[in-house]
């Protein structure tokens, strides 16, 4: 009896671990999925996928090593752009001096900032008002569409 119990438990464990899980699938589309070339794609896509992962990606990984990039021509920037934007690697960037004072803000600058903040507030209020009007218009359009749909259904019932 104990042997039978062990066999059942092992079988149950294997079936739970090796069993397929529920998987979602794409809905069938009559227009694109019934095209005759789709049948050819069902055959050749796994072949191409396998070739890409087993041959082409490892070859690219080997050919794109920094030591062999010039040999295989896989320099990501190309020969004309290898040192683009690098002016002089030995030049030192001057450190900021401690005696440099922070820029002073004048009262004219503060007034300009205040006016800009007021203009931004007015623009934000106008945008909110426009958004409210757009929402109301969308609600009106939705109710009109619903009313039109009901009228259409009534006309079909007649």
N, C-alpha and C. Protein backbone atom coordinates (compact mmCIF):
# COMPACT_ATOMS: atom_id res chain seq x y z
N UNK A 1 0.82 -1.19 0.00
CA UNK A 1 0.00 0.00 0.00
C UNK A 1 0.87 1.26 0.00
N UNK A 2 1.97 1.19 0.74
CA UNK A 2 2.85 2.35 0.82
C UNK A 2 3.49 2.65 -0.53
N UNK A 3 3.86 1.63 -1.26
CA UNK A 3 4.44 1.80 -2.59
C UNK A 3 3.43 2.48 -3.53
N UNK A 4 2.19 2.04 -3.47
CA UNK A 4 1.14 2.63 -4.30
C UNK A 4 0.96 4.12 -3.96
N UNK A 5 1.00 4.45 -2.70
CA UNK A 5 0.84 5.84 -2.26
C UNK A 5 2.01 6.68 -2.78
N UNK A 6 3.22 6.16 -2.72
CA UNK A 6 4.39 6.90 -3.22
C UNK A 6 4.30 7.11 -4.73
N UNK A 7 3.86 6.09 -5.44
CA UNK A 7 3.73 6.21 -6.89
C UNK A 7 2.70 7.28 -7.24
N UNK A 8 1.59 7.28 -6.54
CA UNK A 8 0.54 8.27 -6.80
C UNK A 8 1.06 9.67 -6.48
N UNK A 9 1.76 9.84 -5.37
CA UNK A 9 2.26 11.16 -4.99
C UNK A 9 3.32 11.65 -5.98
N UNK A 10 4.21 10.77 -6.42
CA UNK A 10 5.22 11.16 -7.41
C UNK A 10 4.54 11.51 -8.73
N UNK A 11 3.58 10.74 -9.15
CA UNK A 11 2.85 11.02 -10.38
C UNK A 11 2.12 12.34 -10.31
N UNK A 12 1.51 12.60 -9.16
CA UNK A 12 0.81 13.87 -8.98
C UNK A 12 1.80 15.04 -9.01
N UNK A 13 2.92 14.89 -8.36
CA UNK A 13 3.94 15.95 -8.36
C UNK A 13 4.48 16.22 -9.75
N UNK A 14 4.77 15.15 -10.49
CA UNK A 14 5.28 15.31 -11.85
C UNK A 14 4.23 15.97 -12.73
N UNK A 15 2.98 15.55 -12.59
CA UNK A 15 1.94 16.14 -13.44
C UNK A 15 1.72 17.61 -13.11
N UNK A 16 1.85 17.98 -11.87
CA UNK A 16 1.69 19.39 -11.50
C UNK A 16 2.87 20.23 -11.96
N UNK A 17 4.07 19.67 -11.85
CA UNK A 17 5.25 20.44 -12.24
C UNK A 17 5.45 20.47 -13.75
N UNK A 18 5.12 19.39 -14.43
CA UNK A 18 5.37 19.30 -15.86
C UNK A 18 4.15 19.69 -16.69
N UNK A 19 3.02 19.84 -16.05
CA UNK A 19 1.81 20.18 -16.78
C UNK A 19 1.86 21.60 -17.34
N UNK A 20 1.12 21.80 -18.38
CA UNK A 20 1.11 23.13 -18.98
C UNK A 20 0.21 24.05 -18.17
N UNK A 21 0.60 25.29 -18.11
CA UNK A 21 -0.20 26.28 -17.41
C UNK A 21 -1.21 26.87 -18.39
N UNK A 22 -2.24 27.46 -17.85
CA UNK A 22 -3.20 28.14 -18.71
C UNK A 22 -2.49 29.29 -19.39
N UNK A 23 -2.64 29.36 -20.68
CA UNK A 23 -1.98 30.41 -21.43
C UNK A 23 -3.00 31.13 -22.28
N UNK A 24 -2.83 32.43 -22.38
CA UNK A 24 -3.71 33.20 -23.25
C UNK A 24 -3.26 33.06 -24.69
N UNK A 25 -4.13 33.33 -25.60
CA UNK A 25 -3.78 33.27 -27.00
C UNK A 25 -4.40 34.48 -27.69
N UNK A 26 -3.87 34.76 -28.85
CA UNK A 26 -4.40 35.87 -29.63
C UNK A 26 -5.74 35.48 -30.23
N UNK A 27 -6.62 36.46 -30.32
CA UNK A 27 -7.87 36.21 -31.00
C UNK A 27 -7.61 36.06 -32.49
N UNK A 28 -8.35 35.19 -33.11
CA UNK A 28 -8.19 34.94 -34.54
C UNK A 28 -8.83 36.09 -35.31
N UNK A 29 -8.07 36.65 -36.23
CA UNK A 29 -8.56 37.73 -37.07
C UNK A 29 -8.72 37.19 -38.48
N UNK A 30 -9.94 37.17 -38.98
CA UNK A 30 -10.21 36.59 -40.30
C UNK A 30 -9.44 37.28 -41.41
N UNK A 31 -9.18 38.56 -41.26
CA UNK A 31 -8.56 39.31 -42.34
C UNK A 31 -7.07 39.01 -42.46
N UNK A 32 -6.34 39.05 -41.34
CA UNK A 32 -4.89 38.87 -41.42
C UNK A 32 -4.46 37.43 -41.18
N UNK A 33 -5.14 36.71 -40.30
CA UNK A 33 -4.68 35.37 -39.95
C UNK A 33 -5.05 34.32 -41.00
N UNK A 34 -5.97 34.63 -41.90
CA UNK A 34 -6.35 33.65 -42.92
C UNK A 34 -5.62 33.89 -44.25
N UNK A 35 -4.70 34.83 -44.25
CA UNK A 35 -3.94 35.10 -45.48
C UNK A 35 -3.04 33.90 -45.79
N UNK A 36 -2.95 33.50 -47.06
CA UNK A 36 -2.13 32.31 -47.39
C UNK A 36 -0.67 32.45 -47.01
N UNK A 37 -0.12 33.67 -47.05
CA UNK A 37 1.28 33.83 -46.65
C UNK A 37 1.48 33.62 -45.16
N UNK A 38 0.41 33.75 -44.37
CA UNK A 38 0.51 33.51 -42.93
C UNK A 38 0.88 32.06 -42.67
N UNK A 39 0.37 31.14 -43.52
CA UNK A 39 0.72 29.72 -43.37
C UNK A 39 2.21 29.50 -43.60
N UNK A 40 2.77 30.21 -44.57
CA UNK A 40 4.20 30.10 -44.83
C UNK A 40 4.98 30.67 -43.65
N UNK A 41 4.46 31.77 -43.08
CA UNK A 41 5.14 32.37 -41.93
C UNK A 41 5.13 31.43 -40.72
N UNK A 42 4.05 30.66 -40.56
CA UNK A 42 4.02 29.70 -39.46
C UNK A 42 5.13 28.67 -39.59
N UNK A 43 5.54 28.37 -40.80
CA UNK A 43 6.59 27.38 -41.02
C UNK A 43 7.97 28.02 -40.88
N UNK A 44 8.17 29.19 -41.52
CA UNK A 44 9.51 29.77 -41.58
C UNK A 44 9.89 30.61 -40.37
N UNK A 45 8.94 31.13 -39.63
CA UNK A 45 9.30 31.97 -38.48
C UNK A 45 10.10 31.19 -37.43
N UNK A 46 9.70 30.01 -37.01
CA UNK A 46 10.52 29.27 -36.04
C UNK A 46 11.92 28.96 -36.57
N UNK A 47 12.03 28.72 -37.87
CA UNK A 47 13.34 28.44 -38.45
C UNK A 47 14.23 29.69 -38.36
N UNK A 48 13.67 30.83 -38.76
CA UNK A 48 14.43 32.08 -38.69
C UNK A 48 14.79 32.46 -37.26
N UNK A 49 13.86 32.24 -36.35
CA UNK A 49 14.11 32.55 -34.94
C UNK A 49 15.25 31.69 -34.41
N UNK A 50 15.25 30.41 -34.76
CA UNK A 50 16.30 29.50 -34.31
C UNK A 50 17.65 29.90 -34.90
N UNK A 51 17.68 30.23 -36.19
CA UNK A 51 18.94 30.65 -36.81
C UNK A 51 19.46 31.92 -36.15
N UNK A 52 18.54 32.86 -35.87
CA UNK A 52 18.99 34.10 -35.24
C UNK A 52 19.63 33.84 -33.88
N UNK A 53 18.99 33.04 -33.05
CA UNK A 53 19.48 32.84 -31.69
C UNK A 53 20.66 31.89 -31.60
N UNK A 54 20.73 30.89 -32.49
CA UNK A 54 21.80 29.91 -32.39
C UNK A 54 23.03 30.27 -33.24
N UNK A 55 22.86 31.11 -34.27
CA UNK A 55 24.01 31.40 -35.13
C UNK A 55 24.33 32.89 -35.18
N UNK A 56 23.35 33.71 -35.51
CA UNK A 56 23.65 35.11 -35.78
C UNK A 56 24.00 35.92 -34.52
N UNK A 57 23.27 35.72 -33.44
CA UNK A 57 23.59 36.48 -32.22
C UNK A 57 24.94 36.09 -31.63
N UNK A 58 25.31 34.80 -31.59
CA UNK A 58 26.66 34.49 -31.12
C UNK A 58 27.75 35.04 -32.03
N UNK A 59 27.52 35.01 -33.35
CA UNK A 59 28.50 35.60 -34.27
C UNK A 59 28.65 37.09 -34.03
N UNK A 60 27.55 37.77 -33.82
CA UNK A 60 27.62 39.21 -33.55
C UNK A 60 28.35 39.48 -32.23
N UNK A 61 28.07 38.64 -31.22
CA UNK A 61 28.75 38.82 -29.93
C UNK A 61 30.26 38.65 -30.09
N UNK A 62 30.68 37.71 -30.92
CA UNK A 62 32.12 37.53 -31.14
C UNK A 62 32.71 38.67 -31.96
N UNK A 63 32.01 39.10 -33.01
CA UNK A 63 32.55 40.12 -33.91
C UNK A 63 32.50 41.52 -33.31
N UNK A 64 31.73 41.72 -32.26
CA UNK A 64 31.64 43.05 -31.67
C UNK A 64 32.51 43.23 -30.44
N UNK A 65 33.41 42.28 -30.20
CA UNK A 65 34.37 42.45 -29.11
C UNK A 65 35.27 43.64 -29.44
N UNK A 66 35.65 44.46 -28.47
CA UNK A 66 36.44 45.66 -28.76
C UNK A 66 37.76 45.37 -29.47
N UNK A 67 38.35 44.20 -29.19
CA UNK A 67 39.64 43.90 -29.79
C UNK A 67 39.53 43.60 -31.29
N UNK A 68 38.39 43.05 -31.73
CA UNK A 68 38.27 42.63 -33.13
C UNK A 68 37.31 43.51 -33.93
N UNK A 69 36.80 44.58 -33.35
CA UNK A 69 35.88 45.44 -34.08
C UNK A 69 36.49 46.01 -35.36
N UNK A 70 37.73 46.49 -35.35
CA UNK A 70 38.29 46.99 -36.61
C UNK A 70 38.43 45.91 -37.68
N UNK A 71 38.67 44.68 -37.27
CA UNK A 71 38.84 43.60 -38.23
C UNK A 71 37.53 43.29 -38.94
N UNK A 72 36.46 43.16 -38.17
CA UNK A 72 35.17 42.79 -38.73
C UNK A 72 34.34 43.99 -39.18
N UNK A 73 34.82 45.20 -38.92
CA UNK A 73 34.08 46.39 -39.34
C UNK A 73 32.83 46.64 -38.53
N UNK A 74 32.84 46.26 -37.28
CA UNK A 74 31.67 46.46 -36.43
C UNK A 74 31.85 47.61 -35.46
N UNK A 75 32.68 48.59 -35.84
CA UNK A 75 32.86 49.77 -35.00
C UNK A 75 31.52 50.49 -34.93
N UNK A 76 30.94 50.66 -33.75
CA UNK A 76 29.59 51.22 -33.67
C UNK A 76 29.49 52.66 -34.17
N UNK A 77 30.60 53.38 -34.17
CA UNK A 77 30.55 54.78 -34.58
C UNK A 77 31.09 54.99 -35.98
N UNK A 78 31.76 54.04 -36.54
CA UNK A 78 32.35 54.19 -37.85
C UNK A 78 33.67 54.93 -37.76
N UNK A 79 34.52 54.78 -38.77
CA UNK A 79 35.85 55.37 -38.69
C UNK A 79 35.84 56.90 -38.65
N UNK A 80 34.85 57.54 -39.24
CA UNK A 80 34.84 59.00 -39.27
C UNK A 80 34.32 59.63 -37.99
N UNK A 81 33.66 58.84 -37.14
CA UNK A 81 33.04 59.39 -35.94
C UNK A 81 33.61 58.83 -34.66
N UNK A 82 34.74 58.14 -34.74
CA UNK A 82 35.29 57.48 -33.57
C UNK A 82 35.61 58.46 -32.45
N UNK A 83 36.22 59.60 -32.79
CA UNK A 83 36.62 60.57 -31.77
C UNK A 83 35.78 61.83 -31.84
N UNK A 84 34.55 61.72 -32.31
CA UNK A 84 33.70 62.88 -32.47
C UNK A 84 33.35 63.47 -31.11
N UNK A 85 33.55 64.77 -30.96
CA UNK A 85 33.18 65.47 -29.73
C UNK A 85 34.26 65.47 -28.67
N UNK A 86 35.34 64.73 -28.85
CA UNK A 86 36.43 64.72 -27.89
C UNK A 86 37.49 65.68 -28.41
N UNK A 87 37.67 66.80 -27.70
CA UNK A 87 38.60 67.81 -28.18
C UNK A 87 40.02 67.50 -27.77
N UNK A 88 40.27 67.40 -26.48
CA UNK A 88 41.62 67.11 -26.01
C UNK A 88 41.48 66.39 -24.68
N UNK A 89 41.80 65.14 -24.68
CA UNK A 89 41.61 64.33 -23.48
C UNK A 89 42.56 64.73 -22.36
N UNK A 90 43.70 65.38 -22.69
CA UNK A 90 44.66 65.73 -21.65
C UNK A 90 44.39 67.11 -21.05
N UNK A 91 43.51 67.88 -21.66
CA UNK A 91 43.22 69.21 -21.13
C UNK A 91 42.44 69.08 -19.83
N UNK A 92 42.81 69.88 -18.86
CA UNK A 92 42.13 69.83 -17.58
C UNK A 92 41.03 70.87 -17.54
N UNK A 93 39.97 70.53 -16.88
CA UNK A 93 38.86 71.45 -16.70
C UNK A 93 39.19 72.32 -15.50
N UNK A 94 39.14 73.64 -15.67
CA UNK A 94 39.48 74.49 -14.53
C UNK A 94 38.44 74.36 -13.42
N UNK A 95 38.95 74.26 -12.21
CA UNK A 95 38.07 74.13 -11.06
C UNK A 95 37.49 75.50 -10.71
N UNK A 96 36.23 75.54 -10.26
CA UNK A 96 35.66 76.83 -9.88
C UNK A 96 36.37 77.38 -8.64
N UNK A 97 36.61 78.66 -8.67
CA UNK A 97 37.31 79.26 -7.53
C UNK A 97 36.33 79.53 -6.40
N UNK A 98 36.84 79.47 -5.19
CA UNK A 98 36.01 79.68 -4.02
C UNK A 98 35.61 81.15 -3.88
N UNK A 99 36.33 82.05 -4.52
CA UNK A 99 36.06 83.48 -4.39
C UNK A 99 34.93 83.94 -5.29
N UNK A 100 34.45 83.07 -6.18
CA UNK A 100 33.38 83.46 -7.09
C UNK A 100 32.09 83.63 -6.31
N UNK A 101 31.50 84.81 -6.41
CA UNK A 101 30.26 85.10 -5.68
C UNK A 101 29.07 84.63 -6.51
N UNK A 102 27.99 84.22 -5.85
CA UNK A 102 26.80 83.84 -6.60
C UNK A 102 26.21 85.08 -7.29
N UNK A 103 25.52 84.88 -8.39
CA UNK A 103 24.97 86.03 -9.09
C UNK A 103 23.93 86.75 -8.22
N UNK A 104 23.92 88.06 -8.32
CA UNK A 104 22.99 88.87 -7.54
C UNK A 104 21.67 89.00 -8.29
N UNK A 105 20.56 88.97 -7.55
CA UNK A 105 19.24 89.14 -8.14
C UNK A 105 18.76 90.54 -7.81
N UNK A 106 18.42 91.28 -8.84
CA UNK A 106 17.99 92.67 -8.63
C UNK A 106 16.47 92.71 -8.46
N UNK A 107 16.00 93.86 -8.04
CA UNK A 107 14.55 94.02 -7.86
C UNK A 107 13.83 93.98 -9.20
N UNK A 108 14.48 94.41 -10.28
CA UNK A 108 13.87 94.32 -11.60
C UNK A 108 13.69 92.86 -12.00
N UNK A 109 14.67 92.00 -11.64
CA UNK A 109 14.54 90.58 -11.93
C UNK A 109 13.38 89.97 -11.14
N UNK A 110 13.24 90.38 -9.88
CA UNK A 110 12.14 89.87 -9.07
C UNK A 110 10.79 90.30 -9.63
N UNK A 111 10.71 91.54 -10.09
CA UNK A 111 9.45 92.03 -10.67
C UNK A 111 9.12 91.27 -11.96
N UNK A 112 10.13 91.00 -12.78
CA UNK A 112 9.91 90.24 -14.01
C UNK A 112 9.45 88.82 -13.68
N UNK A 113 10.02 88.22 -12.66
CA UNK A 113 9.60 86.89 -12.25
C UNK A 113 8.16 86.90 -11.74
N UNK A 114 7.79 87.94 -11.00
CA UNK A 114 6.42 88.05 -10.48
C UNK A 114 5.43 88.16 -11.63
N UNK A 115 5.76 89.00 -12.64
CA UNK A 115 4.87 89.16 -13.79
C UNK A 115 4.77 87.85 -14.58
N UNK A 116 5.87 87.15 -14.71
CA UNK A 116 5.85 85.87 -15.42
C UNK A 116 5.00 84.85 -14.67
N UNK A 117 5.08 84.85 -13.34
CA UNK A 117 4.27 83.93 -12.55
C UNK A 117 2.79 84.26 -12.68
N UNK A 118 2.45 85.55 -12.69
CA UNK A 118 1.05 85.94 -12.88
C UNK A 118 0.55 85.52 -14.25
N UNK A 119 1.37 85.72 -15.30
CA UNK A 119 0.98 85.31 -16.64
C UNK A 119 0.80 83.80 -16.72
N UNK A 120 1.65 83.06 -16.06
CA UNK A 120 1.54 81.61 -16.06
C UNK A 120 0.26 81.17 -15.34
N UNK A 121 -0.10 81.87 -14.25
CA UNK A 121 -1.33 81.55 -13.52
C UNK A 121 -2.55 81.81 -14.38
N UNK A 122 -2.53 82.94 -15.12
CA UNK A 122 -3.66 83.27 -16.00
C UNK A 122 -3.78 82.22 -17.10
N UNK A 123 -2.64 81.82 -17.68
CA UNK A 123 -2.65 80.80 -18.74
C UNK A 123 -3.16 79.47 -18.19
N UNK A 124 -2.78 79.12 -16.97
CA UNK A 124 -3.25 77.87 -16.36
C UNK A 124 -4.75 77.92 -16.13
N UNK A 125 -5.27 79.07 -15.68
CA UNK A 125 -6.71 79.20 -15.48
C UNK A 125 -7.47 79.08 -16.80
N UNK A 126 -6.94 79.70 -17.85
CA UNK A 126 -7.58 79.60 -19.17
C UNK A 126 -7.55 78.16 -19.68
N UNK A 127 -6.44 77.46 -19.46
CA UNK A 127 -6.34 76.07 -19.88
C UNK A 127 -7.34 75.19 -19.13
N UNK A 128 -7.52 75.47 -17.84
CA UNK A 128 -8.48 74.70 -17.05
C UNK A 128 -9.90 74.96 -17.56
N UNK A 129 -10.20 76.23 -17.87
CA UNK A 129 -11.51 76.58 -18.40
C UNK A 129 -11.75 75.87 -19.73
N UNK A 130 -10.74 75.87 -20.62
CA UNK A 130 -10.87 75.20 -21.91
C UNK A 130 -11.05 73.69 -21.73
N UNK A 131 -10.36 73.11 -20.76
CA UNK A 131 -10.50 71.67 -20.51
C UNK A 131 -11.90 71.36 -20.01
N UNK A 132 -12.45 72.22 -19.14
CA UNK A 132 -13.82 72.02 -18.67
C UNK A 132 -14.81 72.09 -19.82
N UNK A 133 -14.62 73.07 -20.72
CA UNK A 133 -15.52 73.19 -21.88
C UNK A 133 -15.39 71.97 -22.78
N UNK A 134 -14.18 71.47 -22.98
CA UNK A 134 -13.98 70.29 -23.81
C UNK A 134 -14.64 69.07 -23.18
N UNK A 135 -14.56 68.94 -21.86
CA UNK A 135 -15.20 67.82 -21.18
C UNK A 135 -16.71 67.89 -21.34
N UNK A 136 -17.27 69.11 -21.19
CA UNK A 136 -18.71 69.26 -21.37
C UNK A 136 -19.11 68.93 -22.80
N UNK A 137 -18.31 69.38 -23.77
CA UNK A 137 -18.62 69.08 -25.17
C UNK A 137 -18.55 67.58 -25.44
N UNK A 138 -17.57 66.91 -24.84
CA UNK A 138 -17.46 65.46 -25.01
C UNK A 138 -18.66 64.75 -24.39
N UNK A 139 -19.11 65.22 -23.21
CA UNK A 139 -20.29 64.64 -22.59
C UNK A 139 -21.52 64.83 -23.46
N UNK A 140 -21.66 66.04 -24.03
CA UNK A 140 -22.79 66.32 -24.92
C UNK A 140 -22.74 65.41 -26.15
N UNK A 141 -21.55 65.23 -26.71
CA UNK A 141 -21.41 64.38 -27.89
C UNK A 141 -21.74 62.93 -27.55
N UNK A 142 -21.33 62.48 -26.37
CA UNK A 142 -21.62 61.10 -25.96
C UNK A 142 -23.12 60.90 -25.78
N UNK A 143 -23.79 61.87 -25.16
CA UNK A 143 -25.24 61.73 -24.97
C UNK A 143 -25.97 61.80 -26.32
N UNK A 144 -25.47 62.65 -27.24
CA UNK A 144 -26.09 62.71 -28.57
C UNK A 144 -25.89 61.40 -29.31
N UNK A 145 -24.72 60.81 -29.19
CA UNK A 145 -24.47 59.53 -29.84
C UNK A 145 -25.35 58.44 -29.25
N UNK A 146 -25.54 58.46 -27.95
CA UNK A 146 -26.40 57.47 -27.31
C UNK A 146 -27.84 57.65 -27.77
N UNK A 147 -28.28 58.89 -27.85
CA UNK A 147 -29.64 59.17 -28.30
C UNK A 147 -29.81 58.72 -29.75
N UNK A 148 -28.81 58.98 -30.57
CA UNK A 148 -28.87 58.56 -31.97
C UNK A 148 -28.91 57.04 -32.08
N UNK A 149 -28.14 56.37 -31.24
CA UNK A 149 -28.15 54.91 -31.25
C UNK A 149 -29.50 54.35 -30.86
N UNK A 150 -30.11 54.95 -29.84
CA UNK A 150 -31.45 54.49 -29.44
C UNK A 150 -32.46 54.72 -30.56
N UNK A 151 -32.38 55.88 -31.22
CA UNK A 151 -33.29 56.16 -32.33
C UNK A 151 -33.07 55.16 -33.47
N UNK A 152 -31.83 54.80 -33.73
CA UNK A 152 -31.53 53.84 -34.78
C UNK A 152 -32.11 52.47 -34.42
N UNK A 153 -31.94 52.07 -33.15
CA UNK A 153 -32.49 50.78 -32.73
C UNK A 153 -34.02 50.77 -32.86
N UNK A 154 -34.68 51.89 -32.52
CA UNK A 154 -36.12 51.96 -32.67
C UNK A 154 -36.53 51.84 -34.12
N UNK A 155 -35.74 52.48 -35.02
CA UNK A 155 -36.09 52.40 -36.43
C UNK A 155 -35.90 50.98 -36.96
N UNK A 156 -34.96 50.24 -36.40
CA UNK A 156 -34.79 48.85 -36.83
C UNK A 156 -35.91 47.95 -36.33
N UNK A 157 -36.47 48.29 -35.20
CA UNK A 157 -37.54 47.48 -34.63
C UNK A 157 -38.85 47.68 -35.38
N UNK A 158 -39.00 48.78 -36.05
CA UNK A 158 -40.25 49.04 -36.78
C UNK A 158 -40.41 48.24 -38.00
